[in-house]
Every structure is written in C-alpha cells, then in structure tokens.
Amino acid sequence: MSIYEDLIMDHYRNPRNYGVLISADKSIEVNNPLCGDKLKMEIQETNGVIENIRFSGEGCAISIASASLLTEYAKGKKIKKILDFNRDDMLGLLKIKLTPARIKCALLGWEGLMNLVRN
C-alpha cells in the first residue's frame, strides 16, 4: 500500500470529527444511491466561520475518508473560503487517483457541505 492509501485507510478506520453535533446550526443528509453511502453533515457557525463540524453515517472507505478529511479542512475556516473550495480541491485532499465510479463517493461529503454553506 502507498502512503496515500494508508492515509485513506487511517481516516476510514479512525474518522476525524465523526459523530453528532448537539448544537448544530445547520445539518443535511446526503446519499449515493448507486452504492448505498449515506452521510449526515452538521455545522456550527459563528460570524461566518465554521466553529465546529461533524459527520455521521455509513459508507465505503472513500466516502468516509473523504468526509473525515473534509471536516479537518473545513473546521475553523470562513464560509467564504469553503465556498471557493471546489470539487478538484476535494479530490486533491485524497491524493489518490479514483475511478469514475468512486468520484461520486469521494464527493458525497463535499456536496453536502456545499449545500449547507450555500443555504
């Protein structure tokens, strides 16, 4: 396994920011019906900054690892900066090449977060 595959497996087995955010300001549920991945993203926002972020749910290694990496990236960032974070940036966090079928898994958490911060 490469160092990048090790990174994915570490975030899958020990996801960061996993769980329920009791005092969430916003939450959203997203799913990938093609493979059954389901995630709930929750944020706590103060003055345009993501003070806290959590996710929960179930899915493949790629969807869980990407949600974990995304929450690490987003925590403490201004909403404006998150809105500038595009799909290529998200895929770049994973540092591995993905098949077209796995790209949807990798972007599931990102899609949820984008919907949260846009609304």
N, C-alpha and C. Protein backbone atom coordinates (compact mmCIF):
# COMPACT_ATOMS: atom_id res chain seq x y z
N MET A 1 0.83 -1.18 0.00
CA MET A 1 0.00 0.00 0.00
C MET A 1 0.88 1.25 0.00
N SER A 2 0.44 2.28 -0.72
CA SER A 2 1.18 3.53 -0.76
C SER A 2 0.86 4.36 0.49
N ILE A 3 1.65 5.38 0.71
CA ILE A 3 1.42 6.27 1.86
C ILE A 3 0.04 6.94 1.74
N TYR A 4 -0.40 7.21 0.51
CA TYR A 4 -1.70 7.85 0.32
C TYR A 4 -2.85 6.87 0.58
N GLU A 5 -2.67 5.62 0.20
CA GLU A 5 -3.68 4.62 0.52
C GLU A 5 -3.74 4.40 2.03
N ASP A 6 -2.60 4.47 2.69
CA ASP A 6 -2.56 4.38 4.15
C ASP A 6 -3.35 5.53 4.78
N LEU A 7 -3.24 6.73 4.20
CA LEU A 7 -3.97 7.89 4.69
C LEU A 7 -5.48 7.64 4.60
N ILE A 8 -5.92 7.11 3.47
CA ILE A 8 -7.35 6.82 3.29
C ILE A 8 -7.82 5.80 4.32
N MET A 9 -7.06 4.73 4.51
CA MET A 9 -7.47 3.69 5.46
C MET A 9 -7.45 4.21 6.90
N ASP A 10 -6.52 5.08 7.23
CA ASP A 10 -6.49 5.66 8.58
C ASP A 10 -7.74 6.50 8.83
N HIS A 11 -8.11 7.33 7.86
CA HIS A 11 -9.31 8.16 8.02
C HIS A 11 -10.59 7.33 7.98
N TYR A 12 -10.55 6.20 7.30
CA TYR A 12 -11.72 5.32 7.27
C TYR A 12 -11.87 4.60 8.61
N ARG A 13 -10.79 4.09 9.13
CA ARG A 13 -10.84 3.33 10.39
C ARG A 13 -10.98 4.23 11.62
N ASN A 14 -10.43 5.45 11.53
CA ASN A 14 -10.44 6.41 12.64
C ASN A 14 -10.90 7.77 12.13
N PRO A 15 -12.15 7.88 11.70
CA PRO A 15 -12.60 9.15 11.11
C PRO A 15 -12.55 10.30 12.11
N ARG A 16 -12.05 11.41 11.65
CA ARG A 16 -12.00 12.62 12.46
C ARG A 16 -13.35 13.32 12.40
N ASN A 17 -13.73 13.95 13.49
CA ASN A 17 -14.98 14.72 13.57
C ASN A 17 -16.21 13.87 13.27
N TYR A 18 -16.17 12.59 13.62
CA TYR A 18 -17.30 11.70 13.41
C TYR A 18 -18.21 11.77 14.63
N GLY A 19 -19.50 11.88 14.40
CA GLY A 19 -20.46 11.88 15.49
C GLY A 19 -21.51 12.95 15.30
N VAL A 20 -22.29 13.15 16.32
CA VAL A 20 -23.40 14.09 16.29
C VAL A 20 -22.97 15.41 16.92
N LEU A 21 -23.35 16.50 16.29
CA LEU A 21 -23.10 17.84 16.83
C LEU A 21 -24.38 18.30 17.50
N ILE A 22 -24.39 18.26 18.82
CA ILE A 22 -25.61 18.55 19.59
C ILE A 22 -26.20 19.92 19.28
N SER A 23 -25.36 20.92 19.17
CA SER A 23 -25.86 22.29 18.95
C SER A 23 -25.61 22.76 17.52
N ALA A 24 -25.93 21.92 16.55
CA ALA A 24 -25.72 22.27 15.14
C ALA A 24 -26.65 23.40 14.71
N ASP A 25 -26.10 24.32 13.94
CA ASP A 25 -26.90 25.39 13.34
C ASP A 25 -27.58 24.91 12.06
N LYS A 26 -26.88 24.03 11.35
CA LYS A 26 -27.39 23.50 10.08
C LYS A 26 -26.98 22.04 9.97
N SER A 27 -27.83 21.27 9.31
CA SER A 27 -27.49 19.88 9.03
C SER A 27 -28.12 19.47 7.70
N ILE A 28 -27.53 18.46 7.11
CA ILE A 28 -28.05 17.95 5.84
C ILE A 28 -27.69 16.48 5.74
N GLU A 29 -28.56 15.74 5.09
CA GLU A 29 -28.29 14.33 4.82
C GLU A 29 -28.12 14.17 3.32
N VAL A 30 -27.08 13.45 2.94
CA VAL A 30 -26.81 13.17 1.53
C VAL A 30 -26.59 11.68 1.36
N ASN A 31 -26.90 11.19 0.17
CA ASN A 31 -26.68 9.77 -0.07
C ASN A 31 -26.28 9.53 -1.51
N ASN A 32 -25.67 8.40 -1.71
CA ASN A 32 -25.28 7.95 -3.03
C ASN A 32 -26.04 6.66 -3.28
N PRO A 33 -27.17 6.73 -4.00
CA PRO A 33 -27.99 5.55 -4.18
C PRO A 33 -27.30 4.44 -4.99
N LEU A 34 -26.26 4.79 -5.74
CA LEU A 34 -25.56 3.78 -6.55
C LEU A 34 -24.80 2.78 -5.69
N CYS A 35 -24.28 3.25 -4.53
CA CYS A 35 -23.51 2.32 -3.70
C CYS A 35 -24.02 2.24 -2.26
N GLY A 36 -25.00 3.07 -1.90
CA GLY A 36 -25.59 2.99 -0.58
C GLY A 36 -24.94 3.86 0.49
N ASP A 37 -23.96 4.69 0.11
CA ASP A 37 -23.34 5.59 1.08
C ASP A 37 -24.37 6.62 1.56
N LYS A 38 -24.39 6.86 2.88
CA LYS A 38 -25.30 7.84 3.48
C LYS A 38 -24.52 8.62 4.52
N LEU A 39 -24.53 9.95 4.41
CA LEU A 39 -23.83 10.81 5.37
C LEU A 39 -24.74 11.91 5.86
N LYS A 40 -24.54 12.30 7.09
CA LYS A 40 -25.19 13.48 7.66
C LYS A 40 -24.08 14.44 8.02
N MET A 41 -24.14 15.65 7.49
CA MET A 41 -23.15 16.68 7.79
C MET A 41 -23.82 17.73 8.67
N GLU A 42 -23.11 18.18 9.72
CA GLU A 42 -23.64 19.19 10.63
C GLU A 42 -22.56 20.24 10.89
N ILE A 43 -22.98 21.50 10.94
CA ILE A 43 -22.03 22.56 11.25
C ILE A 43 -22.58 23.48 12.34
N GLN A 44 -21.65 24.09 13.02
CA GLN A 44 -21.95 25.14 13.99
C GLN A 44 -21.16 26.34 13.49
N GLU A 45 -21.87 27.41 13.18
CA GLU A 45 -21.28 28.59 12.55
C GLU A 45 -21.38 29.80 13.47
N THR A 46 -20.29 30.55 13.56
CA THR A 46 -20.27 31.79 14.33
C THR A 46 -19.60 32.87 13.50
N ASN A 47 -20.31 33.95 13.25
CA ASN A 47 -19.77 35.08 12.49
C ASN A 47 -19.12 34.67 11.18
N GLY A 48 -19.77 33.77 10.45
CA GLY A 48 -19.28 33.36 9.15
C GLY A 48 -18.12 32.38 9.17
N VAL A 49 -17.87 31.77 10.34
CA VAL A 49 -16.79 30.80 10.48
C VAL A 49 -17.37 29.47 10.94
N ILE A 50 -16.89 28.39 10.36
CA ILE A 50 -17.31 27.06 10.81
C ILE A 50 -16.53 26.74 12.08
N GLU A 51 -17.20 26.93 13.20
CA GLU A 51 -16.57 26.70 14.50
C GLU A 51 -16.44 25.20 14.81
N ASN A 52 -17.45 24.45 14.38
CA ASN A 52 -17.43 23.01 14.62
C ASN A 52 -18.14 22.32 13.47
N ILE A 53 -17.71 21.13 13.17
CA ILE A 53 -18.30 20.36 12.08
C ILE A 53 -18.21 18.88 12.44
N ARG A 54 -19.25 18.15 12.14
CA ARG A 54 -19.29 16.71 12.39
C ARG A 54 -20.00 16.03 11.22
N PHE A 55 -19.71 14.76 11.09
CA PHE A 55 -20.45 13.95 10.13
C PHE A 55 -20.71 12.60 10.77
N SER A 56 -21.75 11.96 10.29
CA SER A 56 -22.07 10.60 10.72
C SER A 56 -22.66 9.86 9.54
N GLY A 57 -22.79 8.58 9.67
CA GLY A 57 -23.38 7.79 8.62
C GLY A 57 -22.56 6.56 8.33
N GLU A 58 -22.80 6.02 7.16
CA GLU A 58 -22.10 4.80 6.77
C GLU A 58 -21.78 4.87 5.28
N GLY A 59 -20.71 4.20 4.94
CA GLY A 59 -20.33 4.19 3.54
C GLY A 59 -19.03 3.46 3.32
N CYS A 60 -18.57 3.51 2.10
CA CYS A 60 -17.31 2.86 1.73
C CYS A 60 -16.13 3.64 2.30
N ALA A 61 -14.96 3.05 2.18
CA ALA A 61 -13.75 3.69 2.70
C ALA A 61 -13.52 5.06 2.09
N ILE A 62 -13.78 5.21 0.81
CA ILE A 62 -13.55 6.50 0.14
C ILE A 62 -14.50 7.57 0.67
N SER A 63 -15.79 7.27 0.81
CA SER A 63 -16.73 8.29 1.28
C SER A 63 -16.48 8.70 2.72
N ILE A 64 -16.17 7.75 3.58
CA ILE A 64 -15.89 8.07 4.99
C ILE A 64 -14.58 8.83 5.11
N ALA A 65 -13.54 8.37 4.43
CA ALA A 65 -12.24 9.04 4.50
C ALA A 65 -12.32 10.46 3.94
N SER A 66 -13.03 10.64 2.83
CA SER A 66 -13.12 11.99 2.26
C SER A 66 -13.91 12.92 3.17
N ALA A 67 -14.97 12.43 3.81
CA ALA A 67 -15.73 13.25 4.76
C ALA A 67 -14.85 13.63 5.95
N SER A 68 -14.05 12.69 6.42
CA SER A 68 -13.14 12.95 7.53
C SER A 68 -12.11 14.01 7.16
N LEU A 69 -11.49 13.85 6.01
CA LEU A 69 -10.50 14.83 5.54
C LEU A 69 -11.14 16.20 5.34
N LEU A 70 -12.35 16.21 4.80
CA LEU A 70 -13.06 17.47 4.57
C LEU A 70 -13.36 18.19 5.87
N THR A 71 -13.81 17.46 6.88
CA THR A 71 -14.12 18.13 8.15
C THR A 71 -12.86 18.72 8.79
N GLU A 72 -11.74 18.02 8.64
CA GLU A 72 -10.48 18.58 9.15
C GLU A 72 -10.14 19.87 8.42
N TYR A 73 -10.34 19.88 7.12
CA TYR A 73 -10.04 21.07 6.32
C TYR A 73 -10.98 22.23 6.70
N ALA A 74 -12.27 21.94 6.83
CA ALA A 74 -13.29 22.99 6.98
C ALA A 74 -13.32 23.63 8.37
N LYS A 75 -12.95 22.89 9.39
CA LYS A 75 -13.07 23.38 10.76
C LYS A 75 -12.21 24.63 10.95
N GLY A 76 -12.86 25.71 11.40
CA GLY A 76 -12.17 26.96 11.65
C GLY A 76 -12.07 27.88 10.44
N LYS A 77 -12.56 27.43 9.29
CA LYS A 77 -12.47 28.23 8.07
C LYS A 77 -13.71 29.12 7.91
N LYS A 78 -13.50 30.24 7.24
CA LYS A 78 -14.61 31.13 6.91
C LYS A 78 -15.46 30.48 5.82
N ILE A 79 -16.76 30.73 5.91
CA ILE A 79 -17.69 30.20 4.92
C ILE A 79 -17.27 30.61 3.51
N LYS A 80 -16.81 31.84 3.35
CA LYS A 80 -16.36 32.32 2.04
C LYS A 80 -15.26 31.44 1.48
N LYS A 81 -14.32 31.03 2.32
CA LYS A 81 -13.23 30.16 1.86
C LYS A 81 -13.77 28.78 1.48
N ILE A 82 -14.74 28.29 2.23
CA ILE A 82 -15.34 27.00 1.91
C ILE A 82 -16.07 27.06 0.57
N LEU A 83 -16.74 28.17 0.30
CA LEU A 83 -17.45 28.32 -0.98
C LEU A 83 -16.49 28.31 -2.16
N ASP A 84 -15.25 28.71 -1.94
CA ASP A 84 -14.23 28.69 -3.00
C ASP A 84 -13.57 27.32 -3.16
N PHE A 85 -13.82 26.41 -2.23
CA PHE A 85 -13.23 25.07 -2.24
C PHE A 85 -14.02 24.21 -3.23
N ASN A 86 -13.41 23.89 -4.37
CA ASN A 86 -14.15 23.22 -5.43
C ASN A 86 -13.94 21.70 -5.43
N ARG A 87 -14.59 21.04 -6.34
CA ARG A 87 -14.52 19.57 -6.40
C ARG A 87 -13.10 19.07 -6.63
N ASP A 88 -12.32 19.79 -7.43
CA ASP A 88 -10.93 19.38 -7.66
C ASP A 88 -10.10 19.51 -6.38
N ASP A 89 -10.39 20.56 -5.59
CA ASP A 89 -9.72 20.71 -4.30
C ASP A 89 -10.05 19.52 -3.39
N MET A 90 -11.33 19.13 -3.40
CA MET A 90 -11.76 18.00 -2.57
C MET A 90 -11.05 16.72 -3.00
N LEU A 91 -11.03 16.46 -4.29
CA LEU A 91 -10.36 15.26 -4.79
C LEU A 91 -8.86 15.31 -4.49
N GLY A 92 -8.31 16.51 -4.46
CA GLY A 92 -6.89 16.67 -4.13
C GLY A 92 -6.56 16.30 -2.70
N LEU A 93 -7.52 16.44 -1.79
CA LEU A 93 -7.29 16.05 -0.40
C LEU A 93 -7.00 14.56 -0.28
N LEU A 94 -7.59 13.78 -1.16
CA LEU A 94 -7.44 12.32 -1.10
C LEU A 94 -6.07 11.84 -1.58
N LYS A 95 -5.50 12.57 -2.52
CA LYS A 95 -4.15 12.27 -3.02
C LYS A 95 -4.02 10.89 -3.66
N ILE A 96 -5.14 10.39 -4.19
CA ILE A 96 -5.09 9.13 -4.95
C ILE A 96 -5.92 9.30 -6.22
N LYS A 97 -5.62 8.51 -7.20
CA LYS A 97 -6.40 8.51 -8.44
C LYS A 97 -7.62 7.63 -8.23
N LEU A 98 -8.77 8.15 -8.64
CA LEU A 98 -10.03 7.43 -8.45
C LEU A 98 -10.65 7.05 -9.79
N THR A 99 -11.34 5.94 -9.79
CA THR A 99 -12.11 5.56 -10.97
C THR A 99 -13.36 6.45 -11.02
N PRO A 100 -13.95 6.59 -12.19
CA PRO A 100 -15.17 7.43 -12.28
C PRO A 100 -16.27 7.01 -11.30
N ALA A 101 -16.40 5.73 -11.05
CA ALA A 101 -17.43 5.26 -10.11
C ALA A 101 -17.15 5.71 -8.67
N ARG A 102 -15.89 5.87 -8.33
CA ARG A 102 -15.52 6.26 -6.96
C ARG A 102 -15.52 7.77 -6.74
N ILE A 103 -15.53 8.54 -7.81
CA ILE A 103 -15.53 10.00 -7.65
C ILE A 103 -16.79 10.46 -6.93
N LYS A 104 -17.93 9.86 -7.23
CA LYS A 104 -19.19 10.20 -6.55
C LYS A 104 -19.07 9.93 -5.05
N CYS A 105 -18.43 8.84 -4.68
CA CYS A 105 -18.21 8.51 -3.26
C CYS A 105 -17.34 9.58 -2.60
N ALA A 106 -16.30 9.98 -3.30
CA ALA A 106 -15.36 10.96 -2.76
C ALA A 106 -15.98 12.34 -2.60
N LEU A 107 -16.97 12.66 -3.41
CA LEU A 107 -17.57 13.99 -3.39
C LEU A 107 -18.84 14.08 -2.56
N LEU A 108 -19.29 12.99 -1.99
CA LEU A 108 -20.56 13.00 -1.26
C LEU A 108 -20.56 13.99 -0.09
N GLY A 109 -19.58 13.93 0.77
CA GLY A 109 -19.50 14.86 1.90
C GLY A 109 -19.34 16.30 1.44
N TRP A 110 -18.54 16.51 0.40
CA TRP A 110 -18.32 17.86 -0.16
C TRP A 110 -19.63 18.44 -0.68
N GLU A 111 -20.41 17.61 -1.39
CA GLU A 111 -21.70 18.08 -1.89
C GLU A 111 -22.60 18.50 -0.73
N GLY A 112 -22.61 17.72 0.33
CA GLY A 112 -23.41 18.07 1.49
C GLY A 112 -22.96 19.37 2.13
N LEU A 113 -21.67 19.52 2.31
CA LEU A 113 -21.15 20.75 2.93
C LEU A 113 -21.44 21.96 2.06
N MET A 114 -21.28 21.82 0.75
CA MET A 114 -21.57 22.95 -0.15
C MET A 114 -23.03 23.36 -0.04
N ASN A 115 -23.92 22.41 0.03
CA ASN A 115 -25.35 22.73 0.19
C ASN A 115 -25.62 23.41 1.53
N LEU A 116 -24.92 22.98 2.58
CA LEU A 116 -25.10 23.61 3.89
C LEU A 116 -24.67 25.08 3.89
N VAL A 117 -23.51 25.36 3.34
CA VAL A 117 -22.98 26.72 3.41
C VAL A 117 -23.61 27.66 2.39
N ARG A 118 -24.21 27.11 1.35
CA ARG A 118 -24.89 27.95 0.35
C ARG A 118 -26.26 28.39 0.83
N ASN A 119 -26.88 27.63 1.71
CA ASN A 119 -28.25 27.94 2.16
C ASN A 119 -28.25 28.60 3.51
